[in-house]
Amino acid sequence: MHRAQLPAWLEGEPGAWRLRVAAQPGAARTEIVGEFDGCLKLRVAAPPVEGRANDEIARFLAERLALPKRSVRLVSGAAARRKRFALDAPLDAAALCAALHQGALP
Protein backbone atom coordinates (compact mmCIF):
# COMPACT_ATOMS: atom_id res chain seq x y z
CA MET A 1 0.00 0.00 0.00
CA HIS A 2 1.56 3.28 -1.10
CA ARG A 3 1.29 6.47 0.92
CA ALA A 4 -1.30 7.81 -1.56
CA GLN A 5 -3.43 4.70 -0.92
CA LEU A 6 -3.51 5.01 2.87
CA PRO A 7 -7.00 5.30 4.32
CA ALA A 8 -7.88 8.80 5.53
CA TRP A 9 -7.72 7.63 9.17
CA LEU A 10 -4.12 6.34 8.94
CA GLU A 11 -0.88 8.27 8.58
CA GLY A 12 2.78 7.66 9.27
CA GLU A 13 5.03 4.72 8.50
CA PRO A 14 5.90 1.32 10.01
CA GLY A 15 6.89 1.81 13.65
CA ALA A 16 5.31 5.27 13.85
CA TRP A 17 1.65 5.13 12.82
CA ARG A 18 -1.04 7.63 13.79
CA LEU A 19 -4.65 6.49 13.79
CA ARG A 20 -7.73 8.74 13.90
CA VAL A 21 -10.65 7.17 15.73
CA ALA A 22 -14.29 8.20 16.09
CA ALA A 23 -15.48 6.56 19.32
CA GLN A 24 -19.04 5.62 20.20
CA PRO A 25 -18.86 4.67 23.89
CA GLY A 26 -21.37 2.61 25.84
CA ALA A 27 -21.78 -0.18 23.27
CA ALA A 28 -22.41 -3.84 24.09
CA ARG A 29 -18.98 -4.79 22.68
CA THR A 30 -15.93 -3.11 21.23
CA GLU A 31 -15.79 -3.40 17.45
CA ILE A 32 -14.89 -1.56 14.27
CA VAL A 33 -18.01 -0.46 12.43
CA GLY A 34 -16.47 1.29 9.43
CA GLU A 35 -15.20 4.73 8.60
CA PHE A 36 -16.74 8.06 9.42
CA ASP A 37 -15.52 11.51 8.36
CA GLY A 38 -11.87 10.54 7.98
CA CYS A 39 -11.81 8.40 11.12
CA LEU A 40 -11.97 4.70 11.88
CA LYS A 41 -15.29 4.33 13.72
CA LEU A 42 -15.36 2.12 16.80
CA ARG A 43 -18.17 1.13 19.09
CA VAL A 44 -16.63 0.94 22.55
CA ALA A 45 -17.78 -1.37 25.36
CA ALA A 46 -16.95 1.12 28.10
CA PRO A 47 -18.49 4.35 29.34
CA PRO A 48 -16.81 7.70 28.66
CA VAL A 49 -15.98 8.08 32.35
CA GLU A 50 -12.53 8.42 33.96
CA GLY A 51 -10.74 7.41 30.75
CA ARG A 52 -12.32 3.95 30.64
CA ALA A 53 -13.35 4.26 26.98
CA ASN A 54 -9.82 5.40 26.05
CA ASP A 55 -8.33 2.44 27.91
CA GLU A 56 -10.72 0.06 26.16
CA ILE A 57 -9.82 1.46 22.72
CA ALA A 58 -6.10 1.10 23.48
CA ARG A 59 -6.65 -2.47 24.71
CA PHE A 60 -8.71 -3.34 21.63
CA LEU A 61 -6.16 -1.89 19.19
CA ALA A 62 -3.26 -3.63 20.94
CA GLU A 63 -5.09 -6.95 20.92
CA ARG A 64 -6.22 -6.68 17.29
CA LEU A 65 -2.68 -5.75 16.14
CA ALA A 66 -0.92 -8.26 18.46
CA LEU A 67 1.03 -5.46 20.14
CA PRO A 68 1.95 -4.91 23.78
CA LYS A 69 -0.45 -2.38 25.30
CA ARG A 70 2.45 0.06 25.84
CA SER A 71 2.77 0.27 22.01
CA VAL A 72 -0.63 2.01 21.75
CA ARG A 73 -0.84 5.54 23.18
CA LEU A 74 -3.58 8.16 23.17
CA VAL A 75 -2.09 11.30 21.59
CA SER A 76 -5.08 13.63 21.60
CA GLY A 77 -8.82 13.75 22.24
CA ALA A 78 -8.91 12.26 25.75
CA ALA A 79 -12.31 13.84 26.48
CA ALA A 80 -13.60 13.93 22.89
CA ARG A 81 -15.22 11.35 20.65
CA ARG A 82 -12.57 11.98 18.01
CA LYS A 83 -9.19 10.74 19.13
CA ARG A 84 -5.70 10.14 17.80
CA PHE A 85 -3.65 7.13 18.81
CA ALA A 86 0.04 6.49 18.18
CA LEU A 87 0.87 2.91 17.26
CA ASP A 88 4.43 1.63 17.59
CA ALA A 89 3.67 -1.18 15.16
CA PRO A 90 6.31 -2.55 12.77
CA LEU A 91 3.55 -3.59 10.34
CA ASP A 92 3.28 -2.10 6.88
CA ALA A 93 0.06 -0.26 6.03
CA ALA A 94 -1.59 -3.19 4.25
CA ALA A 95 -0.92 -5.60 7.14
CA LEU A 96 -2.07 -3.02 9.70
CA CYS A 97 -5.35 -2.39 7.85
CA ALA A 98 -5.94 -6.13 7.37
CA ALA A 99 -5.33 -6.85 11.06
CA LEU A 100 -7.65 -4.06 12.17
CA HIS A 101 -10.46 -5.16 9.86
CA GLN A 102 -10.22 -8.86 10.69
CA GLY A 103 -13.63 -9.71 12.07
CA ALA A 104 -14.91 -6.16 11.51
CA LEU A 105 -18.41 -5.50 10.27
CA PRO A 106 -18.57 -4.84 6.51
PDB file of N, CA and C in Angstrom:
ATOM      1  N   MET A   1       0.859  -1.174   0.000  1.00  0.00           N
ATOM      2  CA  MET A   1       0.000   0.000   0.000  1.00  0.00           C
ATOM      3  C   MET A   1       0.905   1.237   0.000  1.00  0.00           C
ATOM      4  N   HIS A   2       0.763   2.063  -1.008  1.00  0.00           N
ATOM      5  CA  HIS A   2       1.559   3.280  -1.099  1.00  0.00           C
ATOM      6  C   HIS A   2       0.946   4.377  -0.242  1.00  0.00           C
ATOM      7  N   ARG A   3       1.750   5.364   0.074  1.00  0.00           N
ATOM      8  CA  ARG A   3       1.291   6.470   0.921  1.00  0.00           C
ATOM      9  C   ARG A   3       0.002   7.090   0.365  1.00  0.00           C
ATOM     10  N   ALA A   4      -0.112   7.216  -0.956  1.00  0.00           N
ATOM     11  CA  ALA A   4      -1.305   7.806  -1.559  1.00  0.00           C
ATOM     12  C   ALA A   4      -2.536   6.920  -1.356  1.00  0.00           C
ATOM     13  N   GLN A   5      -2.322   5.623  -1.081  1.00  0.00           N
ATOM     14  CA  GLN A   5      -3.430   4.698  -0.918  1.00  0.00           C
ATOM     15  C   GLN A   5      -3.827   4.490   0.546  1.00  0.00           C
ATOM     16  N   LEU A   6      -3.174   5.169   1.459  1.00  0.00           N
ATOM     17  CA  LEU A   6      -3.515   5.013   2.869  1.00  0.00           C
ATOM     18  C   LEU A   6      -4.940   5.489   3.111  1.00  0.00           C
ATOM     19  N   PRO A   7      -5.670   4.788   3.970  1.00  0.00           N
ATOM     20  CA  PRO A   7      -6.999   5.299   4.318  1.00  0.00           C
ATOM     21  C   PRO A   7      -6.872   6.654   5.005  1.00  0.00           C
ATOM     22  N   ALA A   8      -7.918   7.444   4.958  1.00  0.00           N
ATOM     23  CA  ALA A   8      -7.880   8.795   5.530  1.00  0.00           C
ATOM     24  C   ALA A   8      -7.563   8.782   7.015  1.00  0.00           C
ATOM     25  N   TRP A   9      -7.893   7.697   7.719  1.00  0.00           N
ATOM     26  CA  TRP A   9      -7.717   7.626   9.170  1.00  0.00           C
ATOM     27  C   TRP A   9      -6.319   7.161   9.588  1.00  0.00           C
ATOM     28  N   LEU A  10      -5.452   6.852   8.619  1.00  0.00           N
ATOM     29  CA  LEU A  10      -4.123   6.336   8.935  1.00  0.00           C
ATOM     30  C   LEU A  10      -3.053   7.220   8.322  1.00  0.00           C
ATOM     31  N   GLU A  11      -2.019   7.528   9.104  1.00  0.00           N
ATOM     32  CA  GLU A  11      -0.875   8.271   8.578  1.00  0.00           C
ATOM     33  C   GLU A  11       0.384   7.784   9.278  1.00  0.00           C
ATOM     34  N   GLY A  12       1.509   8.051   8.674  1.00  0.00           N
ATOM     35  CA  GLY A  12       2.780   7.659   9.269  1.00  0.00           C
ATOM     36  C   GLY A  12       3.477   6.597   8.445  1.00  0.00           C
ATOM     37  N   GLU A  13       4.243   5.768   9.139  1.00  0.00           N
ATOM     38  CA  GLU A  13       5.034   4.718   8.503  1.00  0.00           C
ATOM     39  C   GLU A  13       5.237   3.601   9.519  1.00  0.00           C
ATOM     40  N   PRO A  14       5.705   2.422   9.067  1.00  0.00           N
ATOM     41  CA  PRO A  14       5.900   1.319  10.006  1.00  0.00           C
ATOM     42  C   PRO A  14       6.737   1.753  11.218  1.00  0.00           C
ATOM     43  N   GLY A  15       6.227   1.442  12.399  1.00  0.00           N
ATOM     44  CA  GLY A  15       6.889   1.811  13.646  1.00  0.00           C
ATOM     45  C   GLY A  15       6.426   3.144  14.210  1.00  0.00           C
ATOM     46  N   ALA A  16       5.738   3.940  13.401  1.00  0.00           N
ATOM     47  CA  ALA A  16       5.308   5.271  13.852  1.00  0.00           C
ATOM     48  C   ALA A  16       3.980   5.657  13.193  1.00  0.00           C
ATOM     49  N   TRP A  17       2.967   4.854  13.391  1.00  0.00           N
ATOM     50  CA  TRP A  17       1.653   5.126  12.817  1.00  0.00           C
ATOM     51  C   TRP A  17       0.848   6.050  13.707  1.00  0.00           C
ATOM     52  N   ARG A  18      -0.053   6.815  13.097  1.00  0.00           N
ATOM     53  CA  ARG A  18      -1.044   7.632  13.792  1.00  0.00           C
ATOM     54  C   ARG A  18      -2.406   7.222  13.244  1.00  0.00           C
ATOM     55  N   LEU A  19      -3.341   6.993  14.148  1.00  0.00           N
ATOM     56  CA  LEU A  19      -4.655   6.487  13.792  1.00  0.00           C
ATOM     57  C   LEU A  19      -5.711   7.441  14.337  1.00  0.00           C
ATOM     58  N   ARG A  20      -6.618   7.894  13.467  1.00  0.00           N
ATOM     59  CA  ARG A  20      -7.729   8.742  13.898  1.00  0.00           C
ATOM     60  C   ARG A  20      -8.943   7.844  14.151  1.00  0.00           C
ATOM     61  N   VAL A  21      -9.533   8.012  15.305  1.00  0.00           N
ATOM     62  CA  VAL A  21     -10.653   7.169  15.732  1.00  0.00           C
ATOM     63  C   VAL A  21     -11.851   8.037  16.085  1.00  0.00           C
ATOM     64  N   ALA A  22     -13.026   7.613  15.642  1.00  0.00           N
ATOM     65  CA  ALA A  22     -14.295   8.200  16.091  1.00  0.00           C
ATOM     66  C   ALA A  22     -14.913   7.173  17.027  1.00  0.00           C
ATOM     67  N   ALA A  23     -15.008   7.504  18.307  1.00  0.00           N
ATOM     68  CA  ALA A  23     -15.477   6.563  19.323  1.00  0.00           C
ATOM     69  C   ALA A  23     -16.952   6.747  19.627  1.00  0.00           C
ATOM     70  N   GLN A  24     -17.638   5.631  19.783  1.00  0.00           N
ATOM     71  CA  GLN A  24     -19.038   5.624  20.195  1.00  0.00           C
ATOM     72  C   GLN A  24     -19.095   4.781  21.477  1.00  0.00           C
ATOM     73  N   PRO A  25     -18.923   5.421  22.636  1.00  0.00           N
ATOM     74  CA  PRO A  25     -18.863   4.667  23.891  1.00  0.00           C
ATOM     75  C   PRO A  25     -20.218   4.119  24.326  1.00  0.00           C
ATOM     76  N   GLY A  26     -20.161   3.167  25.266  1.00  0.00           N
ATOM     77  CA  GLY A  26     -21.375   2.612  25.839  1.00  0.00           C
ATOM     78  C   GLY A  26     -21.998   1.495  25.026  1.00  0.00           C
ATOM     79  N   ALA A  27     -21.253   0.901  24.107  1.00  0.00           N
ATOM     80  CA  ALA A  27     -21.779  -0.179  23.268  1.00  0.00           C
ATOM     81  C   ALA A  27     -21.724  -1.510  24.022  1.00  0.00           C
ATOM     82  N   ALA A  28     -22.406  -2.507  23.480  1.00  0.00           N
ATOM     83  CA  ALA A  28     -22.408  -3.837  24.089  1.00  0.00           C
ATOM     84  C   ALA A  28     -21.036  -4.500  23.967  1.00  0.00           C
ATOM     85  N   ARG A  29     -20.322  -4.231  22.858  1.00  0.00           N
ATOM     86  CA  ARG A  29     -18.979  -4.791  22.681  1.00  0.00           C
ATOM     87  C   ARG A  29     -18.140  -3.824  21.861  1.00  0.00           C
ATOM     88  N   THR A  30     -16.838  -3.961  21.983  1.00  0.00           N
ATOM     89  CA  THR A  30     -15.931  -3.106  21.227  1.00  0.00           C
ATOM     90  C   THR A  30     -15.715  -3.723  19.860  1.00  0.00           C
ATOM     91  N   GLU A  31     -15.941  -2.899  18.810  1.00  0.00           N
ATOM     92  CA  GLU A  31     -15.793  -3.399  17.447  1.00  0.00           C
ATOM     93  C   GLU A  31     -15.637  -2.231  16.483  1.00  0.00           C
ATOM     94  N   ILE A  32     -15.010  -2.529  15.366  1.00  0.00           N
ATOM     95  CA  ILE A  32     -14.885  -1.561  14.274  1.00  0.00           C
ATOM     96  C   ILE A  32     -16.168  -1.633  13.460  1.00  0.00           C
ATOM     97  N   VAL A  33     -16.753  -0.476  13.185  1.00  0.00           N
ATOM     98  CA  VAL A  33     -18.010  -0.462  12.428  1.00  0.00           C
ATOM     99  C   VAL A  33     -17.888   0.288  11.110  1.00  0.00           C
ATOM    100  N   GLY A  34     -16.673   0.631  10.717  1.00  0.00           N
ATOM    101  CA  GLY A  34     -16.474   1.289   9.434  1.00  0.00           C
ATOM    102  C   GLY A  34     -15.660   2.549   9.557  1.00  0.00           C
ATOM    103  N   GLU A  35     -15.889   3.444   8.614  1.00  0.00           N
ATOM    104  CA  GLU A  35     -15.198   4.727   8.596  1.00  0.00           C
ATOM    105  C   GLU A  35     -16.231   5.835   8.668  1.00  0.00           C
ATOM    106  N   PHE A  36     -15.839   6.928   9.309  1.00  0.00           N
ATOM    107  CA  PHE A  36     -16.737   8.064   9.423  1.00  0.00           C
ATOM    108  C   PHE A  36     -15.920   9.340   9.423  1.00  0.00           C
ATOM    109  N   ASP A  37     -16.122  10.175   8.422  1.00  0.00           N
ATOM    110  CA  ASP A  37     -15.524  11.506   8.358  1.00  0.00           C
ATOM    111  C   ASP A  37     -14.013  11.486   8.589  1.00  0.00           C
ATOM    112  N   GLY A  38     -13.319  10.609   7.887  1.00  0.00           N
ATOM    113  CA  GLY A  38     -11.868  10.541   7.976  1.00  0.00           C
ATOM    114  C   GLY A  38     -11.332   9.823   9.198  1.00  0.00           C
ATOM    115  N   CYS A  39     -12.209   9.133   9.913  1.00  0.00           N
ATOM    116  CA  CYS A  39     -11.809   8.403  11.117  1.00  0.00           C
ATOM    117  C   CYS A  39     -12.244   6.944  11.008  1.00  0.00           C
ATOM    118  N   LEU A  40     -11.538   6.077  11.713  1.00  0.00           N
ATOM    119  CA  LEU A  40     -11.967   4.700  11.879  1.00  0.00           C
ATOM    120  C   LEU A  40     -13.002   4.720  13.001  1.00  0.00           C
ATOM    121  N   LYS A  41     -14.220   4.257  12.715  1.00  0.00           N
ATOM    122  CA  LYS A  41     -15.292   4.333  13.722  1.00  0.00           C
ATOM    123  C   LYS A  41     -15.322   3.056  14.543  1.00  0.00           C
ATOM    124  N   LEU A  42     -15.303   3.239  15.869  1.00  0.00           N
ATOM    125  CA  LEU A  42     -15.355   2.124  16.802  1.00  0.00           C
ATOM    126  C   LEU A  42     -16.517   2.291  17.760  1.00  0.00           C
ATOM    127  N   ARG A  43     -17.252   1.209  17.973  1.00  0.00           N
ATOM    128  CA  ARG A  43     -18.169   1.129  19.094  1.00  0.00           C
ATOM    129  C   ARG A  43     -17.316   0.634  20.255  1.00  0.00           C
ATOM    130  N   VAL A  44     -17.506   1.231  21.418  1.00  0.00           N
ATOM    131  CA  VAL A  44     -16.632   0.937  22.553  1.00  0.00           C
ATOM    132  C   VAL A  44     -17.454   0.429  23.734  1.00  0.00           C
ATOM    133  N   ALA A  45     -17.071  -0.740  24.247  1.00  0.00           N
ATOM    134  CA  ALA A  45     -17.779  -1.370  25.364  1.00  0.00           C
ATOM    135  C   ALA A  45     -17.277  -0.832  26.692  1.00  0.00           C
ATOM    136  N   ALA A  46     -17.327   0.469  26.840  1.00  0.00           N
ATOM    137  CA  ALA A  46     -16.949   1.120  28.096  1.00  0.00           C
ATOM    138  C   ALA A  46     -17.586   2.503  28.096  1.00  0.00           C
ATOM    139  N   PRO A  47     -17.908   3.000  29.266  1.00  0.00           N
ATOM    140  CA  PRO A  47     -18.490   4.345  29.336  1.00  0.00           C
ATOM    141  C   PRO A  47     -17.407   5.412  29.210  1.00  0.00           C
ATOM    142  N   PRO A  48     -17.793   6.616  28.778  1.00  0.00           N
ATOM    143  CA  PRO A  48     -16.812   7.703  28.655  1.00  0.00           C
ATOM    144  C   PRO A  48     -16.552   8.375  30.004  1.00  0.00           C
ATOM    145  N   VAL A  49     -16.177   7.589  30.985  1.00  0.00           N
ATOM    146  CA  VAL A  49     -15.978   8.077  32.346  1.00  0.00           C
ATOM    147  C   VAL A  49     -14.580   7.699  32.817  1.00  0.00           C
ATOM    148  N   GLU A  50     -13.853   8.660  33.362  1.00  0.00           N
ATOM    149  CA  GLU A  50     -12.527   8.424  33.955  1.00  0.00           C
ATOM    150  C   GLU A  50     -11.574   7.703  33.012  1.00  0.00           C
ATOM    151  N   GLY A  51     -11.665   7.982  31.717  1.00  0.00           N
ATOM    152  CA  GLY A  51     -10.741   7.405  30.747  1.00  0.00           C
ATOM    153  C   GLY A  51     -10.975   5.942  30.424  1.00  0.00           C
ATOM    154  N   ARG A  52     -12.087   5.382  30.878  1.00  0.00           N
ATOM    155  CA  ARG A  52     -12.318   3.951  30.641  1.00  0.00           C
ATOM    156  C   ARG A  52     -12.515   3.627  29.164  1.00  0.00           C
ATOM    157  N   ALA A  53     -13.189   4.501  28.420  1.00  0.00           N
ATOM    158  CA  ALA A  53     -13.354   4.257  26.984  1.00  0.00           C
ATOM    159  C   ALA A  53     -11.998   4.337  26.268  1.00  0.00           C
ATOM    160  N   ASN A  54     -11.160   5.291  26.653  1.00  0.00           N
ATOM    161  CA  ASN A  54      -9.824   5.404  26.047  1.00  0.00           C
ATOM    162  C   ASN A  54      -9.002   4.148  26.327  1.00  0.00           C
ATOM    163  N   ASP A  55      -9.057   3.655  27.555  1.00  0.00           N
ATOM    164  CA  ASP A  55      -8.330   2.438  27.912  1.00  0.00           C
ATOM    165  C   ASP A  55      -8.835   1.244  27.115  1.00  0.00           C
ATOM    166  N   GLU A  56     -10.139   1.173  26.919  1.00  0.00           N
ATOM    167  CA  GLU A  56     -10.715   0.060  26.162  1.00  0.00           C
ATOM    168  C   GLU A  56     -10.306   0.130  24.691  1.00  0.00           C
ATOM    169  N   ILE A  57     -10.270   1.325  24.116  1.00  0.00           N
ATOM    170  CA  ILE A  57      -9.823   1.456  22.725  1.00  0.00           C
ATOM    171  C   ILE A  57      -8.368   1.026  22.605  1.00  0.00           C
ATOM    172  N   ALA A  58      -7.514   1.477  23.512  1.00  0.00           N
ATOM    173  CA  ALA A  58      -6.101   1.098  23.480  1.00  0.00           C
ATOM    174  C   ALA A  58      -5.946  -0.415  23.622  1.00  0.00           C
ATOM    175  N   ARG A  59      -6.707  -1.020  24.531  1.00  0.00           N
ATOM    176  CA  ARG A  59      -6.649  -2.473  24.711  1.00  0.00           C
ATOM    177  C   ARG A  59      -7.077  -3.197  23.437  1.00  0.00           C
ATOM    178  N   PHE A  60      -8.184  -2.734  22.845  1.00  0.00           N
ATOM    179  CA  PHE A  60      -8.709  -3.341  21.628  1.00  0.00           C
ATOM    180  C   PHE A  60      -7.696  -3.253  20.482  1.00  0.00           C
ATOM    181  N   LEU A  61      -7.129  -2.063  20.272  1.00  0.00           N
ATOM    182  CA  LEU A  61      -6.157  -1.894  19.186  1.00  0.00           C
ATOM    183  C   LEU A  61      -4.929  -2.769  19.410  1.00  0.00           C
ATOM    184  N   ALA A  62      -4.429  -2.810  20.639  1.00  0.00           N
ATOM    185  CA  ALA A  62      -3.257  -3.631  20.940  1.00  0.00           C
ATOM    186  C   ALA A  62      -3.558  -5.109  20.686  1.00  0.00           C
ATOM    187  N   GLU A  63      -4.722  -5.550  21.118  1.00  0.00           N
ATOM    188  CA  GLU A  63      -5.095  -6.955  20.918  1.00  0.00           C
ATOM    189  C   GLU A  63      -5.251  -7.277  19.433  1.00  0.00           C
ATOM    190  N   ARG A  64      -5.957  -6.427  18.718  1.00  0.00           N
ATOM    191  CA  ARG A  64      -6.215  -6.676  17.291  1.00  0.00           C
ATOM    192  C   ARG A  64      -4.917  -6.688  16.487  1.00  0.00           C
ATOM    193  N   LEU A  65      -3.944  -5.854  16.880  1.00  0.00           N
ATOM    194  CA  LEU A  65      -2.677  -5.751  16.141  1.00  0.00           C
ATOM    195  C   LEU A  65      -1.569  -6.617  16.746  1.00  0.00           C
ATOM    196  N   ALA A  66      -1.894  -7.394  17.778  1.00  0.00           N
ATOM    197  CA  ALA A  66      -0.922  -8.260  18.457  1.00  0.00           C
ATOM    198  C   ALA A  66       0.285  -7.463  18.948  1.00  0.00           C
ATOM    199  N   LEU A  67      -0.010  -6.329  19.597  1.00  0.00           N
ATOM    200  CA  LEU A  67       1.032  -5.456  20.136  1.00  0.00           C
ATOM    201  C   LEU A  67       0.939  -5.439  21.658  1.00  0.00           C
ATOM    202  N   PRO A  68       2.059  -5.169  22.339  1.00  0.00           N
ATOM    203  CA  PRO A  68       1.947  -4.912  23.778  1.00  0.00           C
ATOM    204  C   PRO A  68       1.157  -3.626  23.987  1.00  0.00           C
ATOM    205  N   LYS A  69       0.405  -3.551  25.071  1.00  0.00           N
ATOM    206  CA  LYS A  69      -0.446  -2.378  25.304  1.00  0.00           C
ATOM    207  C   LYS A  69       0.367  -1.086  25.337  1.00  0.00           C
ATOM    208  N   ARG A  70       1.613  -1.149  25.774  1.00  0.00           N
ATOM    209  CA  ARG A  70       2.451   0.062  25.838  1.00  0.00           C
ATOM    210  C   ARG A  70       2.767   0.615  24.439  1.00  0.00           C
ATOM    211  N   SER A  71       2.515  -0.172  23.388  1.00  0.00           N
ATOM    212  CA  SER A  71       2.766   0.268  22.014  1.00  0.00           C
ATOM    213  C   SER A  71       1.615   1.073  21.425  1.00  0.00           C
ATOM    214  N   VAL A  72       0.545   1.242  22.190  1.00  0.00           N
ATOM    215  CA  VAL A  72      -0.629   2.010  21.746  1.00  0.00           C
ATOM    216  C   VAL A  72      -0.840   3.134  22.755  1.00  0.00           C
ATOM    217  N   ARG A  73      -0.723   4.386  22.284  1.00  0.00           N
ATOM    218  CA  ARG A  73      -0.839   5.543  23.176  1.00  0.00           C
ATOM    219  C   ARG A  73      -1.852   6.544  22.635  1.00  0.00           C
ATOM    220  N   LEU A  74      -2.663   7.084  23.533  1.00  0.00           N
ATOM    221  CA  LEU A  74      -3.579   8.160  23.170  1.00  0.00           C
ATOM    222  C   LEU A  74      -2.760   9.436  23.023  1.00  0.00           C
ATOM    223  N   VAL A  75      -2.851  10.079  21.871  1.00  0.00           N
ATOM    224  CA  VAL A  75      -2.085  11.296  21.594  1.00  0.00           C
ATOM    225  C   VAL A  75      -2.934  12.538  21.825  1.00  0.00           C
ATOM    226  N   SER A  76      -4.202  12.485  21.411  1.00  0.00           N
ATOM    227  CA  SER A  76      -5.084  13.634  21.602  1.00  0.00           C
ATOM    228  C   SER A  76      -6.532  13.171  21.625  1.00  0.00           C
ATOM    229  N   GLY A  77      -7.384  14.019  22.208  1.00  0.00           N
ATOM    230  CA  GLY A  77      -8.817  13.746  22.236  1.00  0.00           C
ATOM    231  C   GLY A  77      -9.273  12.951  23.438  1.00  0.00           C
ATOM    232  N   ALA A  78      -8.573  13.050  24.560  1.00  0.00           N
ATOM    233  CA  ALA A  78      -8.907  12.255  25.748  1.00  0.00           C
ATOM    234  C   ALA A  78     -10.368  12.412  26.157  1.00  0.00           C
ATOM    235  N   ALA A  79     -10.933  13.604  26.053  1.00  0.00           N
ATOM    236  CA  ALA A  79     -12.310  13.839  26.476  1.00  0.00           C
ATOM    237  C   ALA A  79     -13.264  14.006  25.294  1.00  0.00           C
ATOM    238  N   ALA A  80     -12.779  13.749  24.089  1.00  0.00           N
ATOM    239  CA  ALA A  80     -13.598  13.931  22.887  1.00  0.00           C
ATOM    240  C   ALA A  80     -13.938  12.582  22.260  1.00  0.00           C
ATOM    241  N   ARG A  81     -14.899  12.590  21.376  1.00  0.00           N
ATOM    242  CA  ARG A  81     -15.219  11.349  20.654  1.00  0.00           C
ATOM    243  C   ARG A  81     -14.214  11.083  19.536  1.00  0.00           C
ATOM    244  N   ARG A  82     -13.615  12.135  19.039  1.00  0.00           N
ATOM    245  CA  ARG A  82     -12.572  11.978  18.008  1.00  0.00           C
ATOM    246  C   ARG A  82     -11.219  11.989  18.691  1.00  0.00           C
ATOM    247  N   LYS A  83     -10.444  10.943  18.425  1.00  0.00           N
ATOM    248  CA  LYS A  83      -9.186  10.744  19.127  1.00  0.00           C
ATOM    249  C   LYS A  83      -8.087  10.390  18.139  1.00  0.00           C
ATOM    250  N   ARG A  84      -6.859  10.575  18.580  1.00  0.00           N
ATOM    251  CA  ARG A  84      -5.697  10.140  17.797  1.00  0.00           C
ATOM    252  C   ARG A  84      -4.856   9.232  18.680  1.00  0.00           C
ATOM    253  N   PHE A  85      -4.505   8.083  18.116  1.00  0.00           N
ATOM    254  CA  PHE A  85      -3.652   7.130  18.805  1.00  0.00           C
ATOM    255  C   PHE A  85      -2.357   6.958  18.031  1.00  0.00           C
ATOM    256  N   ALA A  86      -1.256   6.821  18.771  1.00  0.00           N
ATOM    257  CA  ALA A  86       0.039   6.489  18.181  1.00  0.00           C
ATOM    258  C   ALA A  86       0.214   4.990  18.333  1.00  0.00           C
ATOM    259  N   LEU A  87       0.648   4.352  17.256  1.00  0.00           N
ATOM    260  CA  LEU A  87       0.873   2.910  17.258  1.00  0.00           C
ATOM    261  C   LEU A  87       2.338   2.642  16.927  1.00  0.00           C
ATOM    262  N   ASP A  88       3.052   2.047  17.852  1.00  0.00           N
ATOM    263  CA  ASP A  88       4.428   1.633  17.594  1.00  0.00           C
ATOM    264  C   ASP A  88       4.375   0.214  17.034  1.00  0.00           C
ATOM    265  N   ALA A  89       3.880   0.110  15.809  1.00  0.00           N
ATOM    266  CA  ALA A  89       3.675  -1.181  15.158  1.00  0.00           C
ATOM    267  C   ALA A  89       4.597  -1.299  13.959  1.00  0.00           C
ATOM    268  N   PRO A  90       5.394  -2.373  13.892  1.00  0.00           N
ATOM    269  CA  PRO A  90       6.309  -2.547  12.771  1.00  0.00           C
ATOM    270  C   PRO A  90       5.620  -2.998  11.484  1.00  0.00           C
ATOM    271  N   LEU A  91       4.307  -3.134  11.501  1.00  0.00           N
ATOM    272  CA  LEU A  91       3.549  -3.594  10.339  1.00  0.00           C
ATOM    273  C   LEU A  91       3.540  -2.557   9.228  1.00  0.00           C
ATOM    274  N   ASP A  92       3.484  -3.046   7.974  1.00  0.00           N
ATOM    275  CA  ASP A  92       3.283  -2.099   6.878  1.00  0.00           C
ATOM    276  C   ASP A  92       1.794  -1.745   6.841  1.00  0.00           C
ATOM    277  N   ALA A  93       1.437  -0.775   6.041  1.00  0.00           N
ATOM    278  CA  ALA A  93       0.065  -0.257   6.033  1.00  0.00           C
ATOM    279  C   ALA A  93      -0.953  -1.327   5.662  1.00  0.00           C
ATOM    280  N   ALA A  94      -0.644  -2.158   4.673  1.00  0.00           N
ATOM    281  CA  ALA A  94      -1.594  -3.187   4.248  1.00  0.00           C
ATOM    282  C   ALA A  94      -1.837  -4.197   5.367  1.00  0.00           C
ATOM    283  N   ALA A  95      -0.780  -4.634   6.048  1.00  0.00           N
ATOM    284  CA  ALA A  95      -0.919  -5.596   7.138  1.00  0.00           C
ATOM    285  C   ALA A  95      -1.665  -4.978   8.312  1.00  0.00           C
ATOM    286  N   LEU A  96      -1.393  -3.710   8.604  1.00  0.00           N
ATOM    287  CA  LEU A  96      -2.067  -3.024   9.699  1.00  0.00           C
ATOM    288  C   LEU A  96      -3.562  -2.928   9.417  1.00  0.00           C
ATOM    289  N   CYS A  97      -3.926  -2.510   8.220  1.00  0.00           N
ATOM    290  CA  CYS A  97      -5.345  -2.389   7.853  1.00  0.00           C
ATOM    291  C   CYS A  97      -6.035  -3.748   7.884  1.00  0.00           C
ATOM    292  N   ALA A  98      -5.357  -4.775   7.369  1.00  0.00           N
ATOM    293  CA  ALA A  98      -5.941  -6.131   7.368  1.00  0.00           C
ATOM    294  C   ALA A  98      -6.167  -6.634   8.783  1.00  0.00           C
ATOM    295  N   ALA A  99      -5.198  -6.404   9.673  1.00  0.00           N
ATOM    296  CA  ALA A  99      -5.326  -6.854  11.060  1.00  0.00           C
ATOM    297  C   ALA A  99      -6.461  -6.114  11.767  1.00  0.00           C
ATOM    298  N   LEU A 100      -6.578  -4.831  11.535  1.00  0.00           N
ATOM    299  CA  LEU A 100      -7.654  -4.064  12.169  1.00  0.00           C
ATOM    300  C   LEU A 100      -9.024  -4.527  11.695  1.00  0.00           C
ATOM    301  N   HIS A 101      -9.150  -4.816  10.417  1.00  0.00           N
ATOM    302  CA  HIS A 101     -10.462  -5.161   9.859  1.00  0.00           C
ATOM    303  C   HIS A 101     -10.815  -6.625   9.977  1.00  0.00           C
ATOM    304  N   GLN A 102      -9.914  -7.445  10.490  1.00  0.00           N
ATOM    305  CA  GLN A 102     -10.218  -8.860  10.695  1.00  0.00           C
ATOM    306  C   GLN A 102     -11.391  -8.964  11.661  1.00  0.00           C
ATOM    307  N   GLY A 103     -12.458  -9.560  11.217  1.00  0.00           N
ATOM    308  CA  GLY A 103     -13.633  -9.715  12.065  1.00  0.00           C
ATOM    309  C   GLY A 103     -14.501  -8.464  12.161  1.00  0.00           C
ATOM    310  N   ALA A 104     -14.126  -7.394  11.459  1.00  0.00           N
ATOM    311  CA  ALA A 104     -14.914  -6.156  11.510  1.00  0.00           C
ATOM    312  C   ALA A 104     -16.203  -6.319  10.701  1.00  0.00           C
ATOM    313  N   LEU A 105     -17.176  -5.509  11.044  1.00  0.00           N
ATOM    314  CA  LEU A 105     -18.413  -5.496  10.268  1.00  0.00           C
ATOM    315  C   LEU A 105     -18.126  -4.920   8.895  1.00  0.00           C
ATOM    316  N   PRO A 106     -18.821  -5.373   7.870  1.00  0.00           N
ATOM    317  CA  PRO A 106     -18.572  -4.844   6.513  1.00  0.00           C
ATOM    318  C   PRO A 106     -18.962  -3.397   6.389  1.00  0.00           C
TER     319      PRO A 106
END
